[in-house]
Amino acid sequence: ILENTSNPAGIVLTRQNIPTWERGPGQATGDTFGSAEGV
């Protein structure tokens, strides 16, 4: 959001707790979850 300077953004967030995933450093493969960089 901060890197983008051309238009507005809304970030939509939970009240309740949700899991924080164990991830790998890159793309998802097998049982390894993909990096959050994909966001």
PDB file of all heavy atoms in Angstrom:
ATOM      1  N   ILE A   1       0.843  -1.204   0.000  1.00  0.00           N
ATOM      2  CA  ILE A   1       0.000   0.000   0.000  1.00  0.00           C
ATOM      3  C   ILE A   1       0.875   1.250   0.000  1.00  0.00           C
ATOM      4  O   ILE A   1       0.631   2.206  -0.751  1.00  0.00           O
ATOM      5  CB  ILE A   1      -0.943  -0.010   1.215  1.00  0.00           C
ATOM      6  CG1 ILE A   1      -2.044  -1.054   1.037  1.00  0.00           C
ATOM      7  CG2 ILE A   1      -1.559   1.370   1.444  1.00  0.00           C
ATOM      8  CD1 ILE A   1      -2.865  -1.313   2.292  1.00  0.00           C
ATOM      9  N   LEU A   2       1.916   1.259   0.825  1.00  0.00           N
ATOM     10  CA  LEU A   2       2.770   2.443   0.934  1.00  0.00           C
ATOM     11  C   LEU A   2       3.638   2.633  -0.300  1.00  0.00           C
ATOM     12  O   LEU A   2       4.019   3.763  -0.638  1.00  0.00           O
ATOM     13  CB  LEU A   2       3.630   2.346   2.189  1.00  0.00           C
ATOM     14  CG  LEU A   2       2.857   2.515   3.500  1.00  0.00           C
ATOM     15  CD1 LEU A   2       3.712   2.102   4.689  1.00  0.00           C
ATOM     16  CD2 LEU A   2       2.365   3.943   3.670  1.00  0.00           C
ATOM     17  N   GLU A   3       3.937   1.560  -0.985  1.00  0.00           N
ATOM     18  CA  GLU A   3       4.732   1.668  -2.211  1.00  0.00           C
ATOM     19  C   GLU A   3       3.922   2.204  -3.376  1.00  0.00           C
ATOM     20  O   GLU A   3       4.488   2.695  -4.362  1.00  0.00           O
ATOM     21  CB  GLU A   3       5.318   0.301  -2.576  1.00  0.00           C
ATOM     22  CG  GLU A   3       6.443  -0.142  -1.644  1.00  0.00           C
ATOM     23  CD  GLU A   3       6.884  -1.573  -1.883  1.00  0.00           C
ATOM     24  OE1 GLU A   3       6.131  -2.335  -2.535  1.00  0.00           O
ATOM     25  OE2 GLU A   3       7.987  -1.935  -1.403  1.00  0.00           O
ATOM     26  N   ASN A   4       2.615   2.122  -3.274  1.00  0.00           N
ATOM     27  CA  ASN A   4       1.740   2.604  -4.341  1.00  0.00           C
ATOM     28  C   ASN A   4       1.333   4.046  -4.062  1.00  0.00           C
ATOM     29  O   ASN A   4       0.774   4.346  -3.015  1.00  0.00           O
ATOM     30  CB  ASN A   4       0.490   1.722  -4.430  1.00  0.00           C
ATOM     31  CG  ASN A   4      -0.509   2.248  -5.442  1.00  0.00           C
ATOM     32  OD1 ASN A   4      -0.125   2.884  -6.410  1.00  0.00           O
ATOM     33  ND2 ASN A   4      -1.779   2.003  -5.200  1.00  0.00           N
ATOM     34  N   THR A   5       1.600   4.938  -4.997  1.00  0.00           N
ATOM     35  CA  THR A   5       1.270   6.351  -4.801  1.00  0.00           C
ATOM     36  C   THR A   5       0.250   6.865  -5.809  1.00  0.00           C
ATOM     37  O   THR A   5       0.083   8.070  -5.958  1.00  0.00           O
ATOM     38  CB  THR A   5       2.542   7.203  -4.908  1.00  0.00           C
ATOM     39  OG1 THR A   5       3.114   7.066  -6.224  1.00  0.00           O
ATOM     40  CG2 THR A   5       3.564   6.803  -3.858  1.00  0.00           C
ATOM     41  N   SER A   6      -0.444   5.959  -6.486  1.00  0.00           N
ATOM     42  CA  SER A   6      -1.326   6.408  -7.566  1.00  0.00           C
ATOM     43  C   SER A   6      -2.808   6.343  -7.239  1.00  0.00           C
ATOM     44  O   SER A   6      -3.622   6.863  -8.001  1.00  0.00           O
ATOM     45  CB  SER A   6      -1.058   5.589  -8.838  1.00  0.00           C
ATOM     46  OG  SER A   6      -1.302   4.210  -8.598  1.00  0.00           O
ATOM     47  N   ASN A   7      -3.176   5.724  -6.122  1.00  0.00           N
ATOM     48  CA  ASN A   7      -4.601   5.598  -5.807  1.00  0.00           C
ATOM     49  C   ASN A   7      -4.778   5.170  -4.347  1.00  0.00           C
ATOM     50  O   ASN A   7      -3.837   4.697  -3.713  1.00  0.00           O
ATOM     51  CB  ASN A   7      -5.276   4.587  -6.746  1.00  0.00           C
ATOM     52  CG  ASN A   7      -4.692   3.201  -6.626  1.00  0.00           C
ATOM     53  OD1 ASN A   7      -3.603   2.943  -7.099  1.00  0.00           O
ATOM     54  ND2 ASN A   7      -5.429   2.305  -5.997  1.00  0.00           N
ATOM     55  N   PRO A   8      -5.986   5.317  -3.815  1.00  0.00           N
ATOM     56  CA  PRO A   8      -6.222   4.965  -2.413  1.00  0.00           C
ATOM     57  C   PRO A   8      -6.365   3.464  -2.199  1.00  0.00           C
ATOM     58  O   PRO A   8      -6.605   2.699  -3.140  1.00  0.00           O
ATOM     59  CB  PRO A   8      -7.541   5.683  -2.096  1.00  0.00           C
ATOM     60  CG  PRO A   8      -8.244   5.784  -3.402  1.00  0.00           C
ATOM     61  CD  PRO A   8      -7.173   5.932  -4.443  1.00  0.00           C
ATOM     62  N   ALA A   9      -6.224   3.087  -0.933  1.00  0.00           N
ATOM     63  CA  ALA A   9      -6.380   1.685  -0.558  1.00  0.00           C
ATOM     64  C   ALA A   9      -7.058   1.599   0.794  1.00  0.00           C
ATOM     65  O   ALA A   9      -6.879   2.464   1.659  1.00  0.00           O
ATOM     66  CB  ALA A   9      -5.030   0.979  -0.512  1.00  0.00           C
ATOM     67  N   GLY A  10      -7.818   0.551   0.959  1.00  0.00           N
ATOM     68  CA  GLY A  10      -8.397   0.231   2.258  1.00  0.00           C
ATOM     69  C   GLY A  10      -7.893  -1.118   2.711  1.00  0.00           C
ATOM     70  O   GLY A  10      -7.934  -2.086   1.936  1.00  0.00           O
ATOM     71  N   ILE A  11      -7.377  -1.203   3.925  1.00  0.00           N
ATOM     72  CA  ILE A  11      -6.924  -2.479   4.468  1.00  0.00           C
ATOM     73  C   ILE A  11      -7.980  -2.966   5.449  1.00  0.00           C
ATOM     74  O   ILE A  11      -8.395  -2.237   6.352  1.00  0.00           O
ATOM     75  CB  ILE A  11      -5.525  -2.373   5.095  1.00  0.00           C
ATOM     76  CG1 ILE A  11      -5.018  -3.760   5.512  1.00  0.00           C
ATOM     77  CG2 ILE A  11      -5.458  -1.373   6.226  1.00  0.00           C
ATOM     78  CD1 ILE A  11      -3.532  -3.803   5.829  1.00  0.00           C
ATOM     79  N   VAL A  12      -8.440  -4.203   5.260  1.00  0.00           N
ATOM     80  CA  VAL A  12      -9.621  -4.741   5.925  1.00  0.00           C
ATOM     81  C   VAL A  12      -9.169  -5.836   6.889  1.00  0.00           C
ATOM     82  O   VAL A  12      -8.564  -6.827   6.468  1.00  0.00           O
ATOM     83  CB  VAL A  12     -10.617  -5.293   4.884  1.00  0.00           C
ATOM     84  CG1 VAL A  12     -11.903  -5.740   5.568  1.00  0.00           C
ATOM     85  CG2 VAL A  12     -10.916  -4.244   3.815  1.00  0.00           C
ATOM     86  N   LEU A  13      -9.500  -5.666   8.176  1.00  0.00           N
ATOM     87  CA  LEU A  13      -8.834  -6.437   9.220  1.00  0.00           C
ATOM     88  C   LEU A  13      -9.819  -7.088  10.185  1.00  0.00           C
ATOM     89  O   LEU A  13     -10.895  -6.548  10.456  1.00  0.00           O
ATOM     90  CB  LEU A  13      -7.894  -5.507   9.999  1.00  0.00           C
ATOM     91  CG  LEU A  13      -6.871  -4.751   9.143  1.00  0.00           C
ATOM     92  CD1 LEU A  13      -6.254  -3.601   9.917  1.00  0.00           C
ATOM     93  CD2 LEU A  13      -5.793  -5.700   8.627  1.00  0.00           C
ATOM     94  N   THR A  14      -9.395  -8.216  10.740  1.00  0.00           N
ATOM     95  CA  THR A  14     -10.274  -8.983  11.627  1.00  0.00           C
ATOM     96  C   THR A  14     -10.216  -8.480  13.065  1.00  0.00           C
ATOM     97  O   THR A  14      -9.203  -7.962  13.525  1.00  0.00           O
ATOM     98  CB  THR A  14      -9.873 -10.468  11.660  1.00  0.00           C
ATOM     99  OG1 THR A  14      -8.604 -10.601  12.314  1.00  0.00           O
ATOM    100  CG2 THR A  14      -9.800 -11.053  10.270  1.00  0.00           C
ATOM    101  N   ARG A  15     -11.329  -8.681  13.757  1.00  0.00           N
ATOM    102  CA  ARG A  15     -11.346  -8.496  15.210  1.00  0.00           C
ATOM    103  C   ARG A  15     -10.831  -9.755  15.903  1.00  0.00           C
ATOM    104  O   ARG A  15     -10.087  -9.682  16.872  1.00  0.00           O
ATOM    105  CB  ARG A  15     -12.769  -8.206  15.682  1.00  0.00           C
ATOM    106  CG  ARG A  15     -12.920  -8.127  17.207  1.00  0.00           C
ATOM    107  CD  ARG A  15     -14.361  -7.847  17.583  1.00  0.00           C
ATOM    108  NE  ARG A  15     -14.525  -7.646  19.022  1.00  0.00           N
ATOM    109  CZ  ARG A  15     -14.851  -8.596  19.897  1.00  0.00           C
ATOM    110  NH1 ARG A  15     -15.042  -9.842  19.474  1.00  0.00           N
ATOM    111  NH2 ARG A  15     -14.989  -8.320  21.178  1.00  0.00           N
ATOM    112  N   GLN A  16     -11.252 -10.905  15.396  1.00  0.00           N
ATOM    113  CA  GLN A  16     -10.922 -12.170  16.039  1.00  0.00           C
ATOM    114  C   GLN A  16      -9.528 -12.647  15.636  1.00  0.00           C
ATOM    115  O   GLN A  16      -9.014 -12.306  14.569  1.00  0.00           O
ATOM    116  CB  GLN A  16     -11.960 -13.245  15.698  1.00  0.00           C
ATOM    117  CG  GLN A  16     -11.882 -13.834  14.289  1.00  0.00           C
ATOM    118  CD  GLN A  16     -12.622 -13.009  13.251  1.00  0.00           C
ATOM    119  OE1 GLN A  16     -12.827 -11.823  13.419  1.00  0.00           O
ATOM    120  NE2 GLN A  16     -13.019 -13.659  12.158  1.00  0.00           N
ATOM    121  N   ASN A  17      -8.918 -13.439  16.501  1.00  0.00           N
ATOM    122  CA  ASN A  17      -7.622 -14.031  16.193  1.00  0.00           C
ATOM    123  C   ASN A  17      -7.757 -15.073  15.102  1.00  0.00           C
ATOM    124  O   ASN A  17      -8.752 -15.821  15.034  1.00  0.00           O
ATOM    125  CB  ASN A  17      -7.024 -14.688  17.443  1.00  0.00           C
ATOM    126  CG  ASN A  17      -6.597 -13.676  18.483  1.00  0.00           C
ATOM    127  OD1 ASN A  17      -6.359 -12.514  18.167  1.00  0.00           O
ATOM    128  ND2 ASN A  17      -6.506 -14.117  19.732  1.00  0.00           N
ATOM    129  N   ILE A  18      -6.742 -15.144  14.249  1.00  0.00           N
ATOM    130  CA  ILE A  18      -6.701 -16.162  13.201  1.00  0.00           C
ATOM    131  C   ILE A  18      -5.284 -16.721  13.147  1.00  0.00           C
ATOM    132  O   ILE A  18      -4.344 -16.110  13.663  1.00  0.00           O
ATOM    133  CB  ILE A  18      -7.129 -15.614  11.820  1.00  0.00           C
ATOM    134  CG1 ILE A  18      -6.214 -14.461  11.382  1.00  0.00           C
ATOM    135  CG2 ILE A  18      -8.580 -15.153  11.859  1.00  0.00           C
ATOM    136  CD1 ILE A  18      -6.520 -13.959   9.965  1.00  0.00           C
ATOM    137  N   PRO A  19      -5.086 -17.898  12.528  1.00  0.00           N
ATOM    138  CA  PRO A  19      -3.760 -18.526  12.531  1.00  0.00           C
ATOM    139  C   PRO A  19      -2.717 -17.701  11.781  1.00  0.00           C
ATOM    140  O   PRO A  19      -3.022 -16.986  10.822  1.00  0.00           O
ATOM    141  CB  PRO A  19      -4.000 -19.863  11.817  1.00  0.00           C
ATOM    142  CG  PRO A  19      -5.465 -20.113  11.928  1.00  0.00           C
ATOM    143  CD  PRO A  19      -6.113 -18.757  11.913  1.00  0.00           C
ATOM    144  N   THR A  20      -1.476 -17.833  12.239  1.00  0.00           N
ATOM    145  CA  THR A  20      -0.326 -17.311  11.508  1.00  0.00           C
ATOM    146  C   THR A  20       0.399 -18.519  10.920  1.00  0.00           C
ATOM    147  O   THR A  20       0.842 -19.402  11.659  1.00  0.00           O
ATOM    148  CB  THR A  20       0.614 -16.532  12.440  1.00  0.00           C
ATOM    149  OG1 THR A  20      -0.118 -15.484  13.081  1.00  0.00           O
ATOM    150  CG2 THR A  20       1.790 -15.939  11.659  1.00  0.00           C
ATOM    151  N   TRP A  21       0.512 -18.559   9.590  1.00  0.00           N
ATOM    152  CA  TRP A  21       0.966 -19.774   8.926  1.00  0.00           C
ATOM    153  C   TRP A  21       2.492 -19.918   8.947  1.00  0.00           C
ATOM    154  O   TRP A  21       3.217 -18.931   8.850  1.00  0.00           O
ATOM    155  CB  TRP A  21       0.483 -19.786   7.461  1.00  0.00           C
ATOM    156  CG  TRP A  21      -0.990 -19.564   7.320  1.00  0.00           C
ATOM    157  CD1 TRP A  21      -1.623 -18.488   6.783  1.00  0.00           C
ATOM    158  CD2 TRP A  21      -2.017 -20.450   7.753  1.00  0.00           C
ATOM    159  NE1 TRP A  21      -2.973 -18.645   6.857  1.00  0.00           N
ATOM    160  CE2 TRP A  21      -3.255 -19.829   7.446  1.00  0.00           C
ATOM    161  CE3 TRP A  21      -2.028 -21.707   8.385  1.00  0.00           C
ATOM    162  CZ2 TRP A  21      -4.476 -20.422   7.743  1.00  0.00           C
ATOM    163  CZ3 TRP A  21      -3.250 -22.301   8.666  1.00  0.00           C
ATOM    164  CH2 TRP A  21      -4.456 -21.662   8.348  1.00  0.00           C
ATOM    165  N   GLU A  22       2.923 -21.161   9.071  1.00  0.00           N
ATOM    166  CA  GLU A  22       4.321 -21.505   8.831  1.00  0.00           C
ATOM    167  C   GLU A  22       4.521 -21.501   7.319  1.00  0.00           C
ATOM    168  O   GLU A  22       3.778 -22.140   6.578  1.00  0.00           O
ATOM    169  CB  GLU A  22       4.634 -22.891   9.406  1.00  0.00           C
ATOM    170  CG  GLU A  22       6.067 -23.345   9.222  1.00  0.00           C
ATOM    171  CD  GLU A  22       7.022 -22.648  10.169  1.00  0.00           C
ATOM    172  OE1 GLU A  22       6.720 -22.560  11.363  1.00  0.00           O
ATOM    173  OE2 GLU A  22       8.078 -22.180   9.682  1.00  0.00           O
ATOM    174  N   ARG A  23       5.538 -20.780   6.847  1.00  0.00           N
ATOM    175  CA  ARG A  23       5.713 -20.605   5.410  1.00  0.00           C
ATOM    176  C   ARG A  23       7.152 -20.903   4.999  1.00  0.00           C
ATOM    177  O   ARG A  23       8.081 -20.816   5.801  1.00  0.00           O
ATOM    178  CB  ARG A  23       5.398 -19.161   4.996  1.00  0.00           C
ATOM    179  CG  ARG A  23       4.000 -18.683   5.322  1.00  0.00           C
ATOM    180  CD  ARG A  23       3.894 -17.173   5.151  1.00  0.00           C
ATOM    181  NE  ARG A  23       2.567 -16.645   5.427  1.00  0.00           N
ATOM    182  CZ  ARG A  23       1.605 -16.506   4.531  1.00  0.00           C
ATOM    183  NH1 ARG A  23       1.817 -16.884   3.282  1.00  0.00           N
ATOM    184  NH2 ARG A  23       0.431 -16.010   4.868  1.00  0.00           N
ATOM    185  N   GLY A  24       7.313 -21.169   3.720  1.00  0.00           N
ATOM    186  CA  GLY A  24       8.645 -21.249   3.144  1.00  0.00           C
ATOM    187  C   GLY A  24       9.045 -19.905   2.572  1.00  0.00           C
ATOM    188  O   GLY A  24       8.269 -18.948   2.575  1.00  0.00           O
ATOM    189  N   PRO A  25      10.255 -19.819   2.048  1.00  0.00           N
ATOM    190  CA  PRO A  25      10.740 -18.541   1.539  1.00  0.00           C
ATOM    191  C   PRO A  25      10.260 -18.206   0.133  1.00  0.00           C
ATOM    192  O   PRO A  25      10.431 -17.064  -0.328  1.00  0.00           O
ATOM    193  CB  PRO A  25      12.256 -18.726   1.552  1.00  0.00           C
ATOM    194  CG  PRO A  25      12.447 -20.199   1.330  1.00  0.00           C
ATOM    195  CD  PRO A  25      11.295 -20.868   2.032  1.00  0.00           C
ATOM    196  N   GLY A  26       9.682 -19.168  -0.554  1.00  0.00           N
ATOM    197  CA  GLY A  26       9.285 -18.928  -1.940  1.00  0.00           C
ATOM    198  C   GLY A  26       7.895 -19.435  -2.226  1.00  0.00           C
ATOM    199  O   GLY A  26       6.978 -19.293  -1.406  1.00  0.00           O
ATOM    200  N   GLN A  27       7.731 -20.047  -3.396  1.00  0.00           N
ATOM    201  CA  GLN A  27       6.424 -20.539  -3.797  1.00  0.00           C
ATOM    202  C   GLN A  27       6.028 -21.775  -2.996  1.00  0.00           C
ATOM    203  O   GLN A  27       6.868 -22.513  -2.488  1.00  0.00           O
ATOM    204  CB  GLN A  27       6.434 -20.876  -5.291  1.00  0.00           C
ATOM    205  CG  GLN A  27       6.629 -19.666  -6.185  1.00  0.00           C
ATOM    206  CD  GLN A  27       6.560 -20.030  -7.658  1.00  0.00           C
ATOM    207  OE1 GLN A  27       6.503 -21.200  -8.019  1.00  0.00           O
ATOM    208  NE2 GLN A  27       6.567 -19.021  -8.511  1.00  0.00           N
ATOM    209  N   ALA A  28       4.716 -21.982  -2.910  1.00  0.00           N
ATOM    210  CA  ALA A  28       4.201 -23.152  -2.203  1.00  0.00           C
ATOM    211  C   ALA A  28       4.581 -24.422  -2.955  1.00  0.00           C
ATOM    212  O   ALA A  28       4.542 -24.474  -4.187  1.00  0.00           O
ATOM    213  CB  ALA A  28       2.686 -23.051  -2.079  1.00  0.00           C
ATOM    214  N   THR A  29       4.943 -25.437  -2.198  1.00  0.00           N
ATOM    215  CA  THR A  29       5.235 -26.733  -2.795  1.00  0.00           C
ATOM    216  C   THR A  29       5.029 -27.808  -1.745  1.00  0.00           C
ATOM    217  O   THR A  29       5.404 -27.625  -0.575  1.00  0.00           O
ATOM    218  CB  THR A  29       6.676 -26.788  -3.338  1.00  0.00           C
ATOM    219  OG1 THR A  29       6.934 -28.091  -3.884  1.00  0.00           O
ATOM    220  CG2 THR A  29       7.695 -26.477  -2.274  1.00  0.00           C
ATOM    221  N   GLY A  30       4.407 -28.912  -2.136  1.00  0.00           N
ATOM    222  CA  GLY A  30       4.155 -29.982  -1.188  1.00  0.00           C
ATOM    223  C   GLY A  30       3.347 -29.466  -0.005  1.00  0.00           C
ATOM    224  O   GLY A  30       2.288 -28.869  -0.170  1.00  0.00           O
ATOM    225  N   ASP A  31       3.889 -29.687   1.201  1.00  0.00           N
ATOM    226  CA  ASP A  31       3.217 -29.207   2.406  1.00  0.00           C
ATOM    227  C   ASP A  31       3.782 -27.868   2.897  1.00  0.00           C
ATOM    228  O   ASP A  31       3.416 -27.399   3.982  1.00  0.00           O
ATOM    229  CB  ASP A  31       3.356 -30.255   3.519  1.00  0.00           C
ATOM    230  CG  ASP A  31       2.520 -31.499   3.230  1.00  0.00           C
ATOM    231  OD1 ASP A  31       1.464 -31.346   2.594  1.00  0.00           O
ATOM    232  OD2 ASP A  31       2.932 -32.599   3.634  1.00  0.00           O
ATOM    233  N   THR A  32       4.667 -27.270   2.124  1.00  0.00           N
ATOM    234  CA  THR A  32       5.241 -25.975   2.500  1.00  0.00           C
ATOM    235  C   THR A  32       4.405 -24.851   1.910  1.00  0.00           C
ATOM    236  O   THR A  32       4.190 -24.798   0.690  1.00  0.00           O
ATOM    237  CB  THR A  32       6.691 -25.853   1.996  1.00  0.00           C
ATOM    238  OG1 THR A  32       7.471 -26.918   2.545  1.00  0.00           O
ATOM    239  CG2 THR A  32       7.288 -24.508   2.400  1.00  0.00           C
ATOM    240  N   PHE A  33       3.959 -23.971   2.763  1.00  0.00           N
ATOM    241  CA  PHE A  33       3.109 -22.861   2.316  1.00  0.00           C
ATOM    242  C   PHE A  33       3.952 -21.778   1.636  1.00  0.00           C
ATOM    243  O   PHE A  33       5.136 -21.594   1.939  1.00  0.00           O
ATOM    244  CB  PHE A  33       2.362 -22.248   3.496  1.00  0.00           C
ATOM    245  CG  PHE A  33       1.178 -23.052   3.964  1.00  0.00           C
ATOM    246  CD1 PHE A  33       1.014 -24.372   3.569  1.00  0.00           C
ATOM    247  CD2 PHE A  33       0.236 -22.495   4.801  1.00  0.00           C
ATOM    248  CE1 PHE A  33      -0.082 -25.120   4.003  1.00  0.00           C
ATOM    249  CE2 PHE A  33      -0.867 -23.217   5.242  1.00  0.00           C
ATOM    250  CZ  PHE A  33      -1.024 -24.541   4.843  1.00  0.00           C
ATOM    251  N   GLY A  34       3.318 -21.067   0.738  1.00  0.00           N
ATOM    252  CA  GLY A  34       3.994 -20.017  -0.006  1.00  0.00           C
ATOM    253  C   GLY A  34       4.297 -18.802   0.854  1.00  0.00           C
ATOM    254  O   GLY A  34       3.618 -18.510   1.846  1.00  0.00           O
ATOM    255  N   SER A  35       5.318 -18.079   0.455  1.00  0.00           N
ATOM    256  CA  SER A  35       5.712 -16.861   1.159  1.00  0.00           C
ATOM    257  C   SER A  35       4.611 -15.807   1.077  1.00  0.00           C
ATOM    258  O   SER A  35       3.911 -15.680   0.063  1.00  0.00           O
ATOM    259  CB  SER A  35       6.995 -16.304   0.538  1.00  0.00           C
ATOM    260  OG  SER A  35       7.220 -14.970   0.940  1.00  0.00           O
ATOM    261  N   ALA A  36       4.489 -15.009   2.133  1.00  0.00           N
ATOM    262  CA  ALA A  36       3.514 -13.922   2.149  1.00  0.00           C
ATOM    263  C   ALA A  36       3.860 -12.831   1.148  1.00  0.00           C
ATOM    264  O   ALA A  36       3.050 -11.921   0.903  1.00  0.00           O
ATOM    265  CB  ALA A  36       3.420 -13.323   3.552  1.00  0.00           C
ATOM    266  N   GLU A  37       5.044 -12.909   0.534  1.00  0.00           N
ATOM    267  CA  GLU A  37       5.403 -11.944  -0.507  1.00  0.00           C
ATOM    268  C   GLU A  37       4.395 -11.951  -1.648  1.00  0.00           C
ATOM    269  O   GLU A  37       4.257 -10.960  -2.370  1.00  0.00           O
ATOM    270  CB  GLU A  37       6.803 -12.241  -1.047  1.00  0.00           C
ATOM    271  CG  GLU A  37       7.923 -11.854  -0.106  1.00  0.00           C
ATOM    272  CD  GLU A  37       7.970 -10.352   0.136  1.00  0.00           C
ATOM    273  OE1 GLU A  37       7.785  -9.577  -0.825  1.00  0.00           O
ATOM    274  OE2 GLU A  37       8.177  -9.953   1.292  1.00  0.00           O
ATOM    275  N   GLY A  38       3.686 -13.058  -1.788  1.00  0.00           N
ATOM    276  CA  GLY A  38       2.680 -13.140  -2.843  1.00  0.00           C
ATOM    277  C   GLY A  38       1.564 -12.121  -2.697  1.00  0.00           C
ATOM    278  O   GLY A  38       0.847 -11.827  -3.658  1.00  0.00           O
ATOM    279  N   VAL A  39       1.396 -11.579  -1.503  1.00  0.00           N
ATOM    280  CA  VAL A  39       0.373 -10.560  -1.281  1.00  0.00           C
ATOM    281  C   VAL A  39       0.563  -9.384  -2.234  1.00  0.00           C
ATOM    282  O   VAL A  39      -0.397  -8.776  -2.708  1.00  0.00           O
ATOM    283  CB  VAL A  39       0.404 -10.066   0.181  1.00  0.00           C
ATOM    284  CG1 VAL A  39      -0.474  -8.840   0.382  1.00  0.00           C
ATOM    285  CG2 VAL A  39      -0.035 -11.185   1.117  1.00  0.00           C
TER     286      VAL A  39
END
